[in-house]
Structure formats: structure tokens, C-alpha cells
N, C-alpha and C. Protein backbone atom coordinates (compact mmCIF):
# COMPACT_ATOMS: atom_id res chain seq x y z
N MET A 1 -9.61 -28.34 4.97
CA MET A 1 -10.77 -27.95 4.19
C MET A 1 -10.75 -28.65 2.84
N GLY A 2 -10.80 -29.97 2.86
CA GLY A 2 -10.80 -30.74 1.64
C GLY A 2 -12.02 -30.49 0.79
N GLY A 3 -13.18 -30.22 1.42
CA GLY A 3 -14.39 -29.95 0.67
C GLY A 3 -14.27 -28.73 -0.20
N VAL A 4 -13.58 -27.71 0.32
CA VAL A 4 -13.42 -26.48 -0.45
C VAL A 4 -12.63 -26.75 -1.72
N SER A 5 -11.52 -27.49 -1.59
CA SER A 5 -10.70 -27.72 -2.76
C SER A 5 -11.42 -28.59 -3.77
N SER A 6 -12.18 -29.60 -3.34
CA SER A 6 -12.89 -30.43 -4.31
C SER A 6 -14.01 -29.64 -4.98
N LEU A 7 -14.69 -28.77 -4.25
CA LEU A 7 -15.70 -27.92 -4.85
C LEU A 7 -15.03 -26.94 -5.81
N GLY A 8 -13.92 -26.37 -5.37
CA GLY A 8 -13.18 -25.45 -6.24
C GLY A 8 -12.69 -26.13 -7.50
N ALA A 9 -12.21 -27.36 -7.36
CA ALA A 9 -11.74 -28.11 -8.51
C ALA A 9 -12.89 -28.41 -9.48
N LEU A 10 -14.04 -28.75 -8.93
CA LEU A 10 -15.21 -29.01 -9.76
C LEU A 10 -15.61 -27.74 -10.51
N LEU A 11 -15.68 -26.64 -9.81
CA LEU A 11 -16.04 -25.37 -10.45
C LEU A 11 -15.04 -25.01 -11.55
N ASN A 12 -13.76 -25.20 -11.28
CA ASN A 12 -12.74 -24.91 -12.29
C ASN A 12 -12.89 -25.82 -13.50
N ARG A 13 -13.12 -27.10 -13.27
CA ARG A 13 -13.28 -28.05 -14.37
C ARG A 13 -14.47 -27.69 -15.26
N LEU A 14 -15.51 -27.14 -14.64
CA LEU A 14 -16.73 -26.77 -15.38
C LEU A 14 -16.69 -25.34 -15.90
N HIS A 15 -15.58 -24.65 -15.67
CA HIS A 15 -15.43 -23.24 -16.06
C HIS A 15 -16.47 -22.36 -15.35
N LEU A 16 -16.75 -22.70 -14.08
CA LEU A 16 -17.69 -21.95 -13.26
C LEU A 16 -16.98 -21.35 -12.05
N GLU A 17 -15.70 -21.03 -12.20
CA GLU A 17 -14.94 -20.52 -11.07
C GLU A 17 -15.52 -19.22 -10.51
N HIS A 18 -16.30 -18.50 -11.31
CA HIS A 18 -16.95 -17.27 -10.83
C HIS A 18 -18.02 -17.56 -9.77
N TYR A 19 -18.38 -18.84 -9.60
CA TYR A 19 -19.33 -19.22 -8.55
C TYR A 19 -18.64 -19.41 -7.19
N ALA A 20 -17.32 -19.44 -7.17
CA ALA A 20 -16.60 -19.71 -5.92
C ALA A 20 -16.95 -18.70 -4.84
N ALA A 21 -16.97 -17.42 -5.17
CA ALA A 21 -17.26 -16.38 -4.17
C ALA A 21 -18.68 -16.51 -3.60
N PRO A 22 -19.71 -16.67 -4.44
CA PRO A 22 -21.06 -16.85 -3.86
C PRO A 22 -21.16 -18.07 -2.95
N PHE A 23 -20.49 -19.17 -3.33
CA PHE A 23 -20.51 -20.35 -2.47
C PHE A 23 -19.81 -20.06 -1.15
N GLU A 24 -18.70 -19.36 -1.19
CA GLU A 24 -17.99 -18.99 0.04
C GLU A 24 -18.85 -18.08 0.91
N ASP A 25 -19.54 -17.12 0.28
CA ASP A 25 -20.41 -16.21 1.03
C ASP A 25 -21.51 -16.96 1.77
N GLU A 26 -21.99 -18.05 1.17
CA GLU A 26 -23.06 -18.85 1.77
C GLU A 26 -22.52 -20.01 2.60
N ALA A 27 -21.20 -20.08 2.76
CA ALA A 27 -20.53 -21.14 3.53
C ALA A 27 -20.83 -22.53 2.96
N ILE A 28 -20.96 -22.61 1.64
CA ILE A 28 -21.12 -23.90 0.98
C ILE A 28 -19.72 -24.35 0.58
N GLU A 29 -19.25 -25.40 1.24
CA GLU A 29 -17.88 -25.83 1.05
C GLU A 29 -17.76 -27.28 0.59
N ASP A 30 -18.86 -27.98 0.47
CA ASP A 30 -18.79 -29.41 0.26
C ASP A 30 -19.67 -29.84 -0.90
N VAL A 31 -19.11 -30.59 -1.82
CA VAL A 31 -19.86 -31.12 -2.95
C VAL A 31 -21.00 -32.01 -2.45
N ALA A 32 -20.76 -32.76 -1.37
CA ALA A 32 -21.79 -33.65 -0.82
C ALA A 32 -23.03 -32.86 -0.40
N LEU A 33 -22.85 -31.65 0.11
CA LEU A 33 -23.99 -30.82 0.48
C LEU A 33 -24.82 -30.47 -0.76
N LEU A 34 -24.14 -30.12 -1.84
CA LEU A 34 -24.86 -29.80 -3.07
C LEU A 34 -25.62 -31.03 -3.57
N LYS A 35 -24.99 -32.20 -3.53
CA LYS A 35 -25.65 -33.43 -3.98
C LYS A 35 -26.85 -33.76 -3.09
N SER A 36 -26.74 -33.47 -1.80
CA SER A 36 -27.83 -33.80 -0.88
C SER A 36 -29.09 -32.98 -1.15
N MET A 37 -28.95 -31.87 -1.83
CA MET A 37 -30.11 -31.02 -2.15
C MET A 37 -31.00 -31.67 -3.20
N GLY A 38 -30.44 -32.57 -4.00
CA GLY A 38 -31.18 -33.13 -5.13
C GLY A 38 -31.20 -32.13 -6.27
N ARG A 39 -31.55 -32.62 -7.43
CA ARG A 39 -31.50 -31.79 -8.65
C ARG A 39 -32.40 -30.55 -8.54
N GLN A 40 -33.66 -30.73 -8.13
CA GLN A 40 -34.59 -29.60 -8.05
C GLN A 40 -34.21 -28.66 -6.91
N GLY A 41 -33.83 -29.20 -5.77
CA GLY A 41 -33.42 -28.37 -4.65
C GLY A 41 -32.20 -27.54 -4.98
N LEU A 42 -31.26 -28.13 -5.71
CA LEU A 42 -30.07 -27.40 -6.13
C LEU A 42 -30.48 -26.21 -7.00
N TYR A 43 -31.34 -26.46 -7.97
CA TYR A 43 -31.81 -25.39 -8.85
C TYR A 43 -32.53 -24.30 -8.04
N ASP A 44 -33.45 -24.70 -7.17
CA ASP A 44 -34.20 -23.73 -6.38
C ASP A 44 -33.29 -22.89 -5.50
N ASN A 45 -32.33 -23.53 -4.85
CA ASN A 45 -31.43 -22.80 -3.95
C ASN A 45 -30.45 -21.91 -4.69
N LEU A 46 -29.83 -22.45 -5.74
CA LEU A 46 -28.80 -21.67 -6.42
C LEU A 46 -29.38 -20.57 -7.30
N CYS A 47 -30.45 -20.87 -8.00
CA CYS A 47 -31.06 -19.84 -8.86
C CYS A 47 -31.94 -18.90 -8.04
N GLY A 48 -32.81 -19.48 -7.23
CA GLY A 48 -33.77 -18.69 -6.48
C GLY A 48 -33.17 -17.93 -5.32
N GLU A 49 -32.50 -18.64 -4.44
CA GLU A 49 -31.96 -18.02 -3.22
C GLU A 49 -30.68 -17.23 -3.47
N MET A 50 -29.78 -17.81 -4.27
CA MET A 50 -28.47 -17.19 -4.47
C MET A 50 -28.39 -16.33 -5.72
N GLY A 51 -29.37 -16.47 -6.61
CA GLY A 51 -29.41 -15.64 -7.81
C GLY A 51 -28.40 -16.01 -8.88
N LEU A 52 -27.94 -17.26 -8.90
CA LEU A 52 -27.01 -17.69 -9.93
C LEU A 52 -27.77 -17.97 -11.22
N ASP A 53 -27.05 -17.88 -12.36
CA ASP A 53 -27.73 -18.05 -13.65
C ASP A 53 -28.09 -19.51 -13.90
N ALA A 54 -29.22 -19.71 -14.56
CA ALA A 54 -29.77 -21.04 -14.78
C ALA A 54 -28.85 -21.92 -15.63
N ALA A 55 -28.17 -21.35 -16.61
CA ALA A 55 -27.29 -22.14 -17.47
C ALA A 55 -26.13 -22.73 -16.67
N GLY A 56 -25.53 -21.93 -15.82
CA GLY A 56 -24.43 -22.41 -14.99
C GLY A 56 -24.89 -23.46 -13.99
N VAL A 57 -26.06 -23.24 -13.42
CA VAL A 57 -26.61 -24.21 -12.46
C VAL A 57 -26.92 -25.52 -13.18
N ALA A 58 -27.41 -25.45 -14.41
CA ALA A 58 -27.68 -26.66 -15.19
C ALA A 58 -26.38 -27.44 -15.45
N THR A 59 -25.30 -26.72 -15.75
CA THR A 59 -24.00 -27.36 -15.96
C THR A 59 -23.53 -28.05 -14.69
N LEU A 60 -23.64 -27.36 -13.57
CA LEU A 60 -23.24 -27.93 -12.28
C LEU A 60 -24.12 -29.13 -11.94
N SER A 61 -25.41 -29.01 -12.15
CA SER A 61 -26.35 -30.08 -11.86
C SER A 61 -26.03 -31.33 -12.68
N SER A 62 -25.74 -31.14 -13.95
CA SER A 62 -25.38 -32.28 -14.81
C SER A 62 -24.13 -32.98 -14.29
N ALA A 63 -23.15 -32.19 -13.89
CA ALA A 63 -21.90 -32.78 -13.37
C ALA A 63 -22.15 -33.55 -12.08
N LEU A 64 -23.04 -33.05 -11.24
CA LEU A 64 -23.29 -33.69 -9.95
C LEU A 64 -24.19 -34.91 -10.07
N PHE A 65 -25.20 -34.84 -10.92
CA PHE A 65 -26.24 -35.87 -10.91
C PHE A 65 -26.23 -36.80 -12.10
N ASP A 66 -25.78 -36.37 -13.27
CA ASP A 66 -25.83 -37.25 -14.44
C ASP A 66 -24.89 -38.44 -14.29
N GLU A 67 -23.73 -38.24 -13.64
CA GLU A 67 -22.81 -39.35 -13.42
C GLU A 67 -23.46 -40.39 -12.50
N VAL A 68 -24.16 -39.94 -11.48
CA VAL A 68 -24.84 -40.84 -10.55
C VAL A 68 -25.97 -41.56 -11.27
N ASP A 69 -26.77 -40.81 -12.04
CA ASP A 69 -27.88 -41.41 -12.77
C ASP A 69 -27.38 -42.45 -13.76
N ALA A 70 -26.28 -42.16 -14.46
CA ALA A 70 -25.74 -43.08 -15.45
C ALA A 70 -25.25 -44.36 -14.78
N SER A 71 -24.60 -44.23 -13.63
CA SER A 71 -24.07 -45.42 -12.97
C SER A 71 -25.19 -46.31 -12.44
N GLU A 72 -26.33 -45.75 -12.14
CA GLU A 72 -27.46 -46.56 -11.67
C GLU A 72 -28.05 -47.38 -12.81
N ASP A 73 -27.88 -46.91 -14.06
CA ASP A 73 -28.43 -47.61 -15.22
C ASP A 73 -27.47 -48.65 -15.79
N GLU A 74 -26.24 -48.67 -15.32
CA GLU A 74 -25.25 -49.59 -15.87
C GLU A 74 -25.60 -51.03 -15.51
N LEU A 75 -25.24 -51.92 -16.42
CA LEU A 75 -25.42 -53.33 -16.16
C LEU A 75 -24.32 -53.78 -15.21
N THR A 76 -24.68 -54.66 -14.32
CA THR A 76 -23.69 -55.21 -13.39
C THR A 76 -23.78 -56.73 -13.43
N LEU A 77 -22.66 -57.35 -13.22
CA LEU A 77 -22.63 -58.81 -13.17
C LEU A 77 -22.86 -59.26 -11.74
N GLU A 78 -23.70 -60.24 -11.59
CA GLU A 78 -23.96 -60.81 -10.28
C GLU A 78 -23.40 -62.22 -10.25
N PRO A 79 -22.86 -62.62 -9.13
CA PRO A 79 -22.30 -63.98 -9.06
C PRO A 79 -23.40 -65.03 -9.15
N ASN A 80 -23.06 -66.13 -9.82
CA ASN A 80 -23.98 -67.27 -9.88
C ASN A 80 -23.86 -68.06 -8.60
N ASP A 81 -24.97 -68.54 -8.12
CA ASP A 81 -24.94 -69.35 -6.89
C ASP A 81 -24.74 -70.80 -7.19
């Protein structure tokens, strides 16, 4: 269950370990599943369906998506032909 530990580690790093039980109750064990929801879907599911607080969901969302968004904006070197 590597997904559980990586999700647990993420929650611990963000000081959101109190979310571990609700995620377990909903059988959410994988960070990739949360990322696949997209930013708005994550908010809708976690706040609306699961009743988690918006501030915590915003923290989790930033951790999941801001790193991806930032890496897409980075300059990259391309080889010259």
C-alpha cells in the first residue's frame, strides 16, 4: 500500500493528518487519484461530498497542483539542430 504511505506523508507534511481518517473512510489511498480530480473537482469532492474544511482543502490543493503549474511555466533548454 505505497499510495497510503505517500498520501499519509503528504498529509503529515502539510499538518493535515486529521484528514487521514476521512480519506480512509472513502477508500482514497492514492495521491494520483486526488490529482486526477483537478483543482475544482478536488474542492467539490472534499468540501462538498466529504465535508472537509475549505482552508485545509486549499492547502492540499496548493501542494498537489501549484508544483505542477510552476513546472509547466519553467524555462527549458532545447537542443540546437
